[in-house]
PDB file of N, CA and C in Angstrom:
ATOM      1  N   MET A   1       0.844  -1.181   0.000  1.00  0.00           N
ATOM      2  CA  MET A   1       0.000   0.000   0.000  1.00  0.00           C
ATOM      3  C   MET A   1       0.886   1.240   0.000  1.00  0.00           C
ATOM      4  N   GLU A   2       0.424   2.282  -0.688  1.00  0.00           N
ATOM      5  CA  GLU A   2       1.183   3.523  -0.777  1.00  0.00           C
ATOM      6  C   GLU A   2       1.250   4.203   0.585  1.00  0.00           C
ATOM      7  N   ARG A   3       2.404   4.779   0.870  1.00  0.00           N
ATOM      8  CA  ARG A   3       2.607   5.448   2.150  1.00  0.00           C
ATOM      9  C   ARG A   3       1.754   6.711   2.230  1.00  0.00           C
ATOM     10  N   MET A   4       1.100   6.894   3.363  1.00  0.00           N
ATOM     11  CA  MET A   4       0.227   8.054   3.581  1.00  0.00           C
ATOM     12  C   MET A   4       1.073   9.277   3.857  1.00  0.00           C
ATOM     13  N   SER A   5       0.827  10.350   3.136  1.00  0.00           N
ATOM     14  CA  SER A   5       1.524  11.609   3.360  1.00  0.00           C
ATOM     15  C   SER A   5       0.496  12.674   3.708  1.00  0.00           C
ATOM     16  N   VAL A   6       0.862  13.569   4.616  1.00  0.00           N
ATOM     17  CA  VAL A   6      -0.092  14.590   5.048  1.00  0.00           C
ATOM     18  C   VAL A   6       0.326  15.980   4.609  1.00  0.00           C
ATOM     19  N   THR A   7       1.136  16.060   3.593  1.00  0.00           N
ATOM     20  CA  THR A   7       1.544  17.379   3.120  1.00  0.00           C
ATOM     21  C   THR A   7       0.517  17.869   2.119  1.00  0.00           C
ATOM     22  N   GLY A   8      -0.051  19.016   2.385  1.00  0.00           N
ATOM     23  CA  GLY A   8      -1.031  19.630   1.496  1.00  0.00           C
ATOM     24  C   GLY A   8      -0.588  21.034   1.171  1.00  0.00           C
ATOM     25  N   ARG A   9      -1.411  21.732   0.410  1.00  0.00           N
ATOM     26  CA  ARG A   9      -1.106  23.127   0.146  1.00  0.00           C
ATOM     27  C   ARG A   9      -1.171  23.885   1.457  1.00  0.00           C
ATOM     28  N   ARG A  10      -0.391  24.932   1.548  1.00  0.00           N
ATOM     29  CA  ARG A  10      -0.324  25.717   2.779  1.00  0.00           C
ATOM     30  C   ARG A  10      -1.724  26.163   3.206  1.00  0.00           C
ATOM     31  N   GLY A  11      -2.063  25.860   4.447  1.00  0.00           N
ATOM     32  CA  GLY A  11      -3.337  26.284   4.998  1.00  0.00           C
ATOM     33  C   GLY A  11      -4.500  25.348   4.710  1.00  0.00           C
ATOM     34  N   ASP A  12      -4.302  24.383   3.824  1.00  0.00           N
ATOM     35  CA  ASP A  12      -5.380  23.449   3.511  1.00  0.00           C
ATOM     36  C   ASP A  12      -5.482  22.373   4.579  1.00  0.00           C
ATOM     37  N   ALA A  13      -6.693  22.014   4.934  1.00  0.00           N
ATOM     38  CA  ALA A  13      -6.904  20.881   5.825  1.00  0.00           C
ATOM     39  C   ALA A  13      -6.701  19.609   5.004  1.00  0.00           C
ATOM     40  N   VAL A  14      -6.129  18.600   5.617  1.00  0.00           N
ATOM     41  CA  VAL A  14      -5.890  17.323   4.950  1.00  0.00           C
ATOM     42  C   VAL A  14      -6.795  16.285   5.604  1.00  0.00           C
ATOM     43  N   PHE A  15      -7.424  15.461   4.769  1.00  0.00           N
ATOM     44  CA  PHE A  15      -8.339  14.445   5.273  1.00  0.00           C
ATOM     45  C   PHE A  15      -7.958  13.081   4.726  1.00  0.00           C
ATOM     46  N   ALA A  16      -8.414  12.037   5.431  1.00  0.00           N
ATOM     47  CA  ALA A  16      -8.189  10.668   4.999  1.00  0.00           C
ATOM     48  C   ALA A  16      -9.464   9.875   5.252  1.00  0.00           C
ATOM     49  N   LEU A  17      -9.671   8.866   4.439  1.00  0.00           N
ATOM     50  CA  LEU A  17     -10.814   7.980   4.583  1.00  0.00           C
ATOM     51  C   LEU A  17     -10.388   6.765   5.388  1.00  0.00           C
ATOM     52  N   CYS A  18     -11.112   6.482   6.460  1.00  0.00           N
ATOM     53  CA  CYS A  18     -10.817   5.296   7.267  1.00  0.00           C
ATOM     54  C   CYS A  18     -11.317   4.062   6.519  1.00  0.00           C
ATOM     55  N   VAL A  19     -10.444   3.075   6.341  1.00  0.00           N
ATOM     56  CA  VAL A  19     -10.827   1.834   5.668  1.00  0.00           C
ATOM     57  C   VAL A  19     -10.809   0.642   6.613  1.00  0.00           C
ATOM     58  N   ASP A  20     -10.287   0.847   7.835  1.00  0.00           N
ATOM     59  CA  ASP A  20     -10.210  -0.228   8.822  1.00  0.00           C
ATOM     60  C   ASP A  20     -10.083   0.406  10.203  1.00  0.00           C
ATOM     61  N   SER A  21     -10.902  -0.037  11.145  1.00  0.00           N
ATOM     62  CA  SER A  21     -10.797   0.505  12.505  1.00  0.00           C
ATOM     63  C   SER A  21      -9.858  -0.329  13.371  1.00  0.00           C
ATOM     64  N   GLY A  22      -9.449  -1.504  12.866  1.00  0.00           N
ATOM     65  CA  GLY A  22      -8.476  -2.327  13.585  1.00  0.00           C
ATOM     66  C   GLY A  22      -8.837  -2.544  15.040  1.00  0.00           C
ATOM     67  N   GLU A  23      -7.905  -2.210  15.915  1.00  0.00           N
ATOM     68  CA  GLU A  23      -8.089  -2.386  17.358  1.00  0.00           C
ATOM     69  C   GLU A  23      -8.845  -1.223  17.999  1.00  0.00           C
ATOM     70  N   TYR A  24      -9.351  -0.294  17.193  1.00  0.00           N
ATOM     71  CA  TYR A  24      -9.937   0.938  17.732  1.00  0.00           C
ATOM     72  C   TYR A  24     -11.378   1.175  17.263  1.00  0.00           C
ATOM     73  N   PRO A  25     -12.272   0.189  17.394  1.00  0.00           N
ATOM     74  CA  PRO A  25     -13.639   0.386  16.903  1.00  0.00           C
ATOM     75  C   PRO A  25     -14.412   1.470  17.656  1.00  0.00           C
ATOM     76  N   GLU A  26     -13.983   1.797  18.861  1.00  0.00           N
ATOM     77  CA  GLU A  26     -14.657   2.853  19.626  1.00  0.00           C
ATOM     78  C   GLU A  26     -14.273   4.245  19.114  1.00  0.00           C
ATOM     79  N   SER A  27     -13.117   4.342  18.464  1.00  0.00           N
ATOM     80  CA  SER A  27     -12.585   5.646  18.062  1.00  0.00           C
ATOM     81  C   SER A  27     -12.651   5.916  16.568  1.00  0.00           C
ATOM     82  N   LEU A  28     -12.678   4.854  15.758  1.00  0.00           N
ATOM     83  CA  LEU A  28     -12.654   4.999  14.302  1.00  0.00           C
ATOM     84  C   LEU A  28     -13.816   4.247  13.674  1.00  0.00           C
ATOM     85  N   GLN A  29     -14.373   4.823  12.622  1.00  0.00           N
ATOM     86  CA  GLN A  29     -15.441   4.172  11.871  1.00  0.00           C
ATOM     87  C   GLN A  29     -15.007   4.032  10.415  1.00  0.00           C
ATOM     88  N   PRO A  30     -14.971   2.801   9.888  1.00  0.00           N
ATOM     89  CA  PRO A  30     -14.661   2.650   8.468  1.00  0.00           C
ATOM     90  C   PRO A  30     -15.653   3.445   7.614  1.00  0.00           C
ATOM     91  N   GLN A  31     -15.177   3.944   6.486  1.00  0.00           N
ATOM     92  CA  GLN A  31     -15.927   4.739   5.516  1.00  0.00           C
ATOM     93  C   GLN A  31     -16.256   6.136   6.038  1.00  0.00           C
ATOM     94  N   LYS A  32     -15.503   6.604   7.021  1.00  0.00           N
ATOM     95  CA  LYS A  32     -15.683   7.959   7.541  1.00  0.00           C
ATOM     96  C   LYS A  32     -14.408   8.748   7.274  1.00  0.00           C
ATOM     97  N   PHE A  33     -14.562  10.050   7.001  1.00  0.00           N
ATOM     98  CA  PHE A  33     -13.428  10.929   6.766  1.00  0.00           C
ATOM     99  C   PHE A  33     -12.941  11.508   8.087  1.00  0.00           C
ATOM    100  N   TYR A  34     -11.613  11.575   8.221  1.00  0.00           N
ATOM    101  CA  TYR A  34     -10.995  12.129   9.420  1.00  0.00           C
ATOM    102  C   TYR A  34      -9.963  13.170   9.025  1.00  0.00           C
ATOM    103  N   ARG A  35      -9.870  14.214   9.850  1.00  0.00           N
ATOM    104  CA  ARG A  35      -8.853  15.239   9.629  1.00  0.00           C
ATOM    105  C   ARG A  35      -7.502  14.690  10.059  1.00  0.00           C
ATOM    106  N   VAL A  36      -6.492  14.938   9.237  1.00  0.00           N
ATOM    107  CA  VAL A  36      -5.129  14.479   9.498  1.00  0.00           C
ATOM    108  C   VAL A  36      -4.281  15.680   9.888  1.00  0.00           C
ATOM    109  N   LEU A  37      -3.508  15.520  10.959  1.00  0.00           N
ATOM    110  CA  LEU A  37      -2.604  16.575  11.416  1.00  0.00           C
ATOM    111  C   LEU A  37      -1.172  16.193  11.074  1.00  0.00           C
ATOM    112  N   PRO A  38      -0.341  17.151  10.675  1.00  0.00           N
ATOM    113  CA  PRO A  38       1.049  16.833  10.335  1.00  0.00           C
ATOM    114  C   PRO A  38       1.814  16.321  11.550  1.00  0.00           C
ATOM    115  N   ASP A  39       2.589  15.271  11.350  1.00  0.00           N
ATOM    116  CA  ASP A  39       3.445  14.716  12.403  1.00  0.00           C
ATOM    117  C   ASP A  39       4.547  13.922  11.707  1.00  0.00           C
ATOM    118  N   ARG A  40       5.642  14.603  11.396  1.00  0.00           N
ATOM    119  CA  ARG A  40       6.735  13.961  10.643  1.00  0.00           C
ATOM    120  C   ARG A  40       7.337  12.773  11.389  1.00  0.00           C
ATOM    121  N   ASN A  41       7.388  12.839  12.697  1.00  0.00           N
ATOM    122  CA  ASN A  41       7.921  11.727  13.472  1.00  0.00           C
ATOM    123  C   ASN A  41       7.042  10.484  13.303  1.00  0.00           C
ATOM    124  N   ALA A  42       5.740  10.665  13.295  1.00  0.00           N
ATOM    125  CA  ALA A  42       4.819   9.540  13.128  1.00  0.00           C
ATOM    126  C   ALA A  42       4.969   8.916  11.747  1.00  0.00           C
ATOM    127  N   GLU A  43       5.178   9.744  10.727  1.00  0.00           N
ATOM    128  CA  GLU A  43       5.313   9.234   9.363  1.00  0.00           C
ATOM    129  C   GLU A  43       6.487   8.270   9.226  1.00  0.00           C
ATOM    130  N   ARG A  44       7.528   8.484  10.010  1.00  0.00           N
ATOM    131  CA  ARG A  44       8.691   7.577   9.956  1.00  0.00           C
ATOM    132  C   ARG A  44       8.331   6.164  10.402  1.00  0.00           C
ATOM    133  N   TYR A  45       7.288   6.044  11.203  1.00  0.00           N
ATOM    134  CA  TYR A  45       6.864   4.741  11.727  1.00  0.00           C
ATOM    135  C   TYR A  45       5.577   4.255  11.069  1.00  0.00           C
ATOM    136  N   ASP A  46       5.263   4.818   9.891  1.00  0.00           N
ATOM    137  CA  ASP A  46       4.053   4.463   9.138  1.00  0.00           C
ATOM    138  C   ASP A  46       2.786   4.644   9.961  1.00  0.00           C
ATOM    139  N   GLU A  47       2.750   5.725  10.714  1.00  0.00           N
ATOM    140  CA  GLU A  47       1.559   6.103  11.460  1.00  0.00           C
ATOM    141  C   GLU A  47       1.153   7.509  11.034  1.00  0.00           C
ATOM    142  N   ILE A  48      -0.101   7.839  11.288  1.00  0.00           N
ATOM    143  CA  ILE A  48      -0.563   9.201  11.039  1.00  0.00           C
ATOM    144  C   ILE A  48      -1.341   9.677  12.259  1.00  0.00           C
ATOM    145  N   ARG A  49      -1.392  10.989  12.404  1.00  0.00           N
ATOM    146  CA  ARG A  49      -2.118  11.597  13.523  1.00  0.00           C
ATOM    147  C   ARG A  49      -3.450  12.112  12.988  1.00  0.00           C
ATOM    148  N   VAL A  50      -4.542  11.549  13.505  1.00  0.00           N
ATOM    149  CA  VAL A  50      -5.871  11.977  13.078  1.00  0.00           C
ATOM    150  C   VAL A  50      -6.695  12.433  14.274  1.00  0.00           C
ATOM    151  N   VAL A  51      -7.641  13.314  13.995  1.00  0.00           N
ATOM    152  CA  VAL A  51      -8.620  13.712  15.003  1.00  0.00           C
ATOM    153  C   VAL A  51      -9.743  12.687  14.902  1.00  0.00           C
ATOM    154  N   ASP A  52      -9.849  11.825  15.928  1.00  0.00           N
ATOM    155  CA  ASP A  52     -10.809  10.722  15.871  1.00  0.00           C
ATOM    156  C   ASP A  52     -12.176  11.138  16.418  1.00  0.00           C
ATOM    157  N   ASP A  53     -13.057  10.159  16.633  1.00  0.00           N
ATOM    158  CA  ASP A  53     -14.422  10.443  17.071  1.00  0.00           C
ATOM    159  C   ASP A  53     -14.506  11.036  18.469  1.00  0.00           C
ATOM    160  N   SER A  54     -13.435  10.937  19.240  1.00  0.00           N
ATOM    161  CA  SER A  54     -13.426  11.548  20.573  1.00  0.00           C
ATOM    162  C   SER A  54     -13.180  13.056  20.488  1.00  0.00           C
ATOM    163  N   GLY A  55     -12.741  13.521  19.309  1.00  0.00           N
ATOM    164  CA  GLY A  55     -12.414  14.928  19.136  1.00  0.00           C
ATOM    165  C   GLY A  55     -10.965  15.242  19.459  1.00  0.00           C
ATOM    166  N   GLU A  56     -10.218  14.241  19.887  1.00  0.00           N
ATOM    167  CA  GLU A  56      -8.796  14.401  20.208  1.00  0.00           C
ATOM    168  C   GLU A  56      -7.962  13.813  19.076  1.00  0.00           C
ATOM    169  N   ASP A  57      -6.693  14.241  18.987  1.00  0.00           N
ATOM    170  CA  ASP A  57      -5.818  13.672  17.959  1.00  0.00           C
ATOM    171  C   ASP A  57      -4.951  12.577  18.560  1.00  0.00           C
ATOM    172  N   TYR A  58      -4.869  11.462  17.829  1.00  0.00           N
ATOM    173  CA  TYR A  58      -4.085  10.303  18.249  1.00  0.00           C
ATOM    174  C   TYR A  58      -3.361   9.725  17.040  1.00  0.00           C
ATOM    175  N   LEU A  59      -2.349   8.908  17.314  1.00  0.00           N
ATOM    176  CA  LEU A  59      -1.625   8.204  16.258  1.00  0.00           C
ATOM    177  C   LEU A  59      -2.321   6.884  15.952  1.00  0.00           C
ATOM    178  N   TYR A  60      -2.439   6.600  14.654  1.00  0.00           N
ATOM    179  CA  TYR A  60      -3.007   5.335  14.195  1.00  0.00           C
ATOM    180  C   TYR A  60      -2.146   4.813  13.054  1.00  0.00           C
ATOM    181  N   PRO A  61      -2.182   3.492  12.806  1.00  0.00           N
ATOM    182  CA  PRO A  61      -1.443   2.953  11.661  1.00  0.00           C
ATOM    183  C   PRO A  61      -1.942   3.587  10.360  1.00  0.00           C
ATOM    184  N   ALA A  62      -1.017   4.002   9.524  1.00  0.00           N
ATOM    185  CA  ALA A  62      -1.376   4.643   8.255  1.00  0.00           C
ATOM    186  C   ALA A  62      -2.175   3.701   7.361  1.00  0.00           C
ATOM    187  N   GLU A  63      -1.989   2.399   7.519  1.00  0.00           N
ATOM    188  CA  GLU A  63      -2.707   1.436   6.681  1.00  0.00           C
ATOM    189  C   GLU A  63      -4.216   1.435   6.947  1.00  0.00           C
ATOM    190  N   TYR A  64      -4.665   2.064   8.012  1.00  0.00           N
ATOM    191  CA  TYR A  64      -6.094   2.168   8.306  1.00  0.00           C
ATOM    192  C   TYR A  64      -6.779   3.247   7.465  1.00  0.00           C
ATOM    193  N   PHE A  65      -6.009   4.024   6.705  1.00  0.00           N
ATOM    194  CA  PHE A  65      -6.550   5.191   6.013  1.00  0.00           C
ATOM    195  C   PHE A  65      -6.079   5.273   4.569  1.00  0.00           C
ATOM    196  N   LEU A  66      -6.908   5.907   3.748  1.00  0.00           N
ATOM    197  CA  LEU A  66      -6.529   6.262   2.383  1.00  0.00           C
ATOM    198  C   LEU A  66      -6.505   7.781   2.302  1.00  0.00           C
ATOM    199  N   PRO A  67      -5.453   8.346   1.709  1.00  0.00           N
ATOM    200  CA  PRO A  67      -5.404   9.810   1.596  1.00  0.00           C
ATOM    201  C   PRO A  67      -6.478  10.309   0.633  1.00  0.00           C
ATOM    202  N   ILE A  68      -7.012  11.465   0.935  1.00  0.00           N
ATOM    203  CA  ILE A  68      -8.014  12.096   0.079  1.00  0.00           C
ATOM    204  C   ILE A  68      -7.360  13.296  -0.586  1.00  0.00           C
ATOM    205  N   GLU A  69      -7.383  13.304  -1.899  1.00  0.00           N
ATOM    206  CA  GLU A  69      -6.797  14.398  -2.672  1.00  0.00           C
ATOM    207  C   GLU A  69      -7.807  15.540  -2.738  1.00  0.00           C
ATOM    208  N   PRO A  70      -7.441  16.732  -2.254  1.00  0.00           N
ATOM    209  CA  PRO A  70      -8.394  17.845  -2.328  1.00  0.00           C
ATOM    210  C   PRO A  70      -8.646  18.238  -3.774  1.00  0.00           C
ATOM    211  N   PRO A  71      -9.860  18.688  -4.082  1.00  0.00           N
ATOM    212  CA  PRO A  71     -10.137  19.099  -5.464  1.00  0.00           C
ATOM    213  C   PRO A  71      -9.300  20.305  -5.852  1.00  0.00           C
ATOM    214  N   LYS A  72      -8.926  20.347  -7.119  1.00  0.00           N
ATOM    215  CA  LYS A  72      -8.148  21.477  -7.626  1.00  0.00           C
ATOM    216  C   LYS A  72      -9.105  22.626  -7.946  1.00  0.00           C
ATOM    217  N   PRO A  73      -8.644  23.855  -7.761  1.00  0.00           N
ATOM    218  CA  PRO A  73      -9.513  24.994  -8.097  1.00  0.00           C
ATOM    219  C   PRO A  73      -9.892  24.949  -9.574  1.00  0.00           C
ATOM    220  N   ARG A  74     -11.124  25.224  -9.848  1.00  0.00           N
ATOM    221  CA  ARG A  74     -11.602  25.196 -11.239  1.00  0.00           C
ATOM    222  C   ARG A  74     -11.441  26.565 -11.875  1.00  0.00           C
ATOM    223  N   GLU A  75     -11.139  26.519 -13.148  1.00  0.00           N
ATOM    224  CA  GLU A  75     -11.080  27.764 -13.904  1.00  0.00           C
ATOM    225  C   GLU A  75     -12.498  28.101 -14.357  1.00  0.00           C
ATOM    226  N   VAL A  76     -12.843  29.350 -14.248  1.00  0.00           N
ATOM    227  CA  VAL A  76     -14.166  29.792 -14.669  1.00  0.00           C
ATOM    228  C   VAL A  76     -14.105  30.090 -16.163  1.00  0.00           C
ATOM    229  N   ALA A  77     -14.956  29.431 -16.914  1.00  0.00           N
ATOM    230  CA  ALA A  77     -14.978  29.622 -18.364  1.00  0.00           C
ATOM    231  C   ALA A  77     -16.046  30.639 -18.738  1.00  0.00           C
ATOM    232  N   SER A  78     -15.771  31.377 -19.793  1.00  0.00           N
ATOM    233  CA  SER A  78     -16.767  32.320 -20.307  1.00  0.00           C
ATOM    234  C   SER A  78     -17.891  31.518 -20.958  1.00  0.00           C
ATOM    235  N   PRO A  79     -19.073  32.108 -21.091  1.00  0.00           N
ATOM    236  CA  PRO A  79     -20.171  31.391 -21.757  1.00  0.00           C
ATOM    237  C   PRO A  79     -19.801  30.956 -23.172  1.00  0.00           C
ATOM    238  N   ARG A  80     -19.043  31.797 -23.903  1.00  0.00           N
ATOM    239  CA  ARG A  80     -18.636  31.436 -25.264  1.00  0.00           C
ATOM    240  C   ARG A  80     -17.718  30.212 -25.243  1.00  0.00           C
ATOM    241  N   ALA A  81     -16.770  30.181 -24.307  1.00  0.00           N
ATOM    242  CA  ALA A  81     -15.870  29.029 -24.204  1.00  0.00           C
ATOM    243  C   ALA A  81     -16.654  27.773 -23.837  1.00  0.00           C
ATOM    244  N   PHE A  82     -17.634  27.922 -22.968  1.00  0.00           N
ATOM    245  CA  PHE A  82     -18.458  26.780 -22.583  1.00  0.00           C
ATOM    246  C   PHE A  82     -19.194  26.228 -23.799  1.00  0.00           C
ATOM    247  N   LEU A  83     -19.820  27.121 -24.575  1.00  0.00           N
ATOM    248  CA  LEU A  83     -20.548  26.685 -25.764  1.00  0.00           C
ATOM    249  C   LEU A  83     -19.615  26.067 -26.795  1.00  0.00           C
ATOM    250  N   ALA A  84     -18.412  26.623 -26.951  1.00  0.00           N
ATOM    251  CA  ALA A  84     -17.436  26.063 -27.892  1.00  0.00           C
ATOM    252  C   ALA A  84     -17.065  24.647 -27.476  1.00  0.00           C
ATOM    253  N   ASN A  85     -16.830  24.437 -26.193  1.00  0.00           N
ATOM    254  CA  ASN A  85     -16.500  23.096 -25.708  1.00  0.00           C
ATOM    255  C   ASN A  85     -17.667  22.144 -25.895  1.00  0.00           C
ATOM    256  N   LEU A  86     -18.878  22.632 -25.679  1.00  0.00           N
ATOM    257  CA  LEU A  86     -20.063  21.799 -25.853  1.00  0.00           C
ATOM    258  C   LEU A  86     -20.202  21.376 -27.308  1.00  0.00           C
ATOM    259  N   ASP A  87     -19.978  22.314 -28.236  1.00  0.00           N
ATOM    260  CA  ASP A  87     -20.064  21.983 -29.655  1.00  0.00           C
ATOM    261  C   ASP A  87     -18.972  21.002 -30.068  1.00  0.00           C
ATOM    262  N   VAL A  88     -17.777  21.133 -29.518  1.00  0.00           N
ATOM    263  CA  VAL A  88     -16.699  20.187 -29.829  1.00  0.00           C
ATOM    264  C   VAL A  88     -17.085  18.795 -29.348  1.00  0.00           C
ATOM    265  N   ILE A  89     -17.690  18.721 -28.167  1.00  0.00           N
ATOM    266  CA  ILE A  89     -18.126  17.425 -27.640  1.00  0.00           C
ATOM    267  C   ILE A  89     -19.179  16.812 -28.559  1.00  0.00           C
ATOM    268  N   ARG A  90     -20.052  17.656 -29.097  1.00  0.00           N
ATOM    269  CA  ARG A  90     -21.099  17.168 -30.004  1.00  0.00           C
ATOM    270  C   ARG A  90     -20.573  16.901 -31.408  1.00  0.00           C
ATOM    271  N   GLY A  91     -19.313  17.235 -31.669  1.00  0.00           N
ATOM    272  CA  GLY A  91     -18.730  16.983 -32.979  1.00  0.00           C
ATOM    273  C   GLY A  91     -18.846  18.142 -33.942  1.00  0.00           C
ATOM    274  N   ARG A  92     -19.219  19.308 -33.439  1.00  0.00           N
ATOM    275  CA  ARG A  92     -19.328  20.489 -34.294  1.00  0.00           C
ATOM    276  C   ARG A  92     -18.355  21.539 -33.801  1.00  0.00           C
ATOM    277  N   ARG A  93     -18.019  22.454 -34.666  1.00  0.00           N
ATOM    278  CA  ARG A  93     -17.167  23.592 -34.301  1.00  0.00           C
ATOM    279  C   ARG A  93     -18.013  24.851 -34.300  1.00  0.00           C
ATOM    280  N   LEU A  94     -17.788  25.703 -33.324  1.00  0.00           N
ATOM    281  CA  LEU A  94     -18.470  26.994 -33.259  1.00  0.00           C
ATOM    282  C   LEU A  94     -17.769  27.946 -34.215  1.00  0.00           C
ATOM    283  N   THR A  95     -18.526  28.595 -35.093  1.00  0.00           N
ATOM    284  CA  THR A  95     -17.909  29.545 -36.025  1.00  0.00           C
ATOM    285  C   THR A  95     -17.768  30.898 -35.362  1.00  0.00           C
ATOM    286  N   ALA A  96     -16.707  31.608 -35.744  1.00  0.00           N
ATOM    287  CA  ALA A  96     -16.412  32.914 -35.130  1.00  0.00           C
ATOM    288  C   ALA A  96     -17.275  34.001 -35.669  1.00  0.00           C
TER     289      ALA A  96
END
């Protein structure tokens, strides 16, 4: 499994999806998103620090989580560009 990394863009919150609660069913729920806090020391031991259901942050095995990639900012297209793209998808070209 790929190593979990918690480096995100500056100021962005990083989240992970729990895929296994392991020995911690009281604190973790599979298929739930958890906030990840940076902890370089924990990463060396294949652990990550998450804010669990208790509201506190604890170390858990990184294999219990999948990293969630934050969405990239979208570019706002003009109405003309939108229509041009729509026509290209339909197989037509918009004339100037």
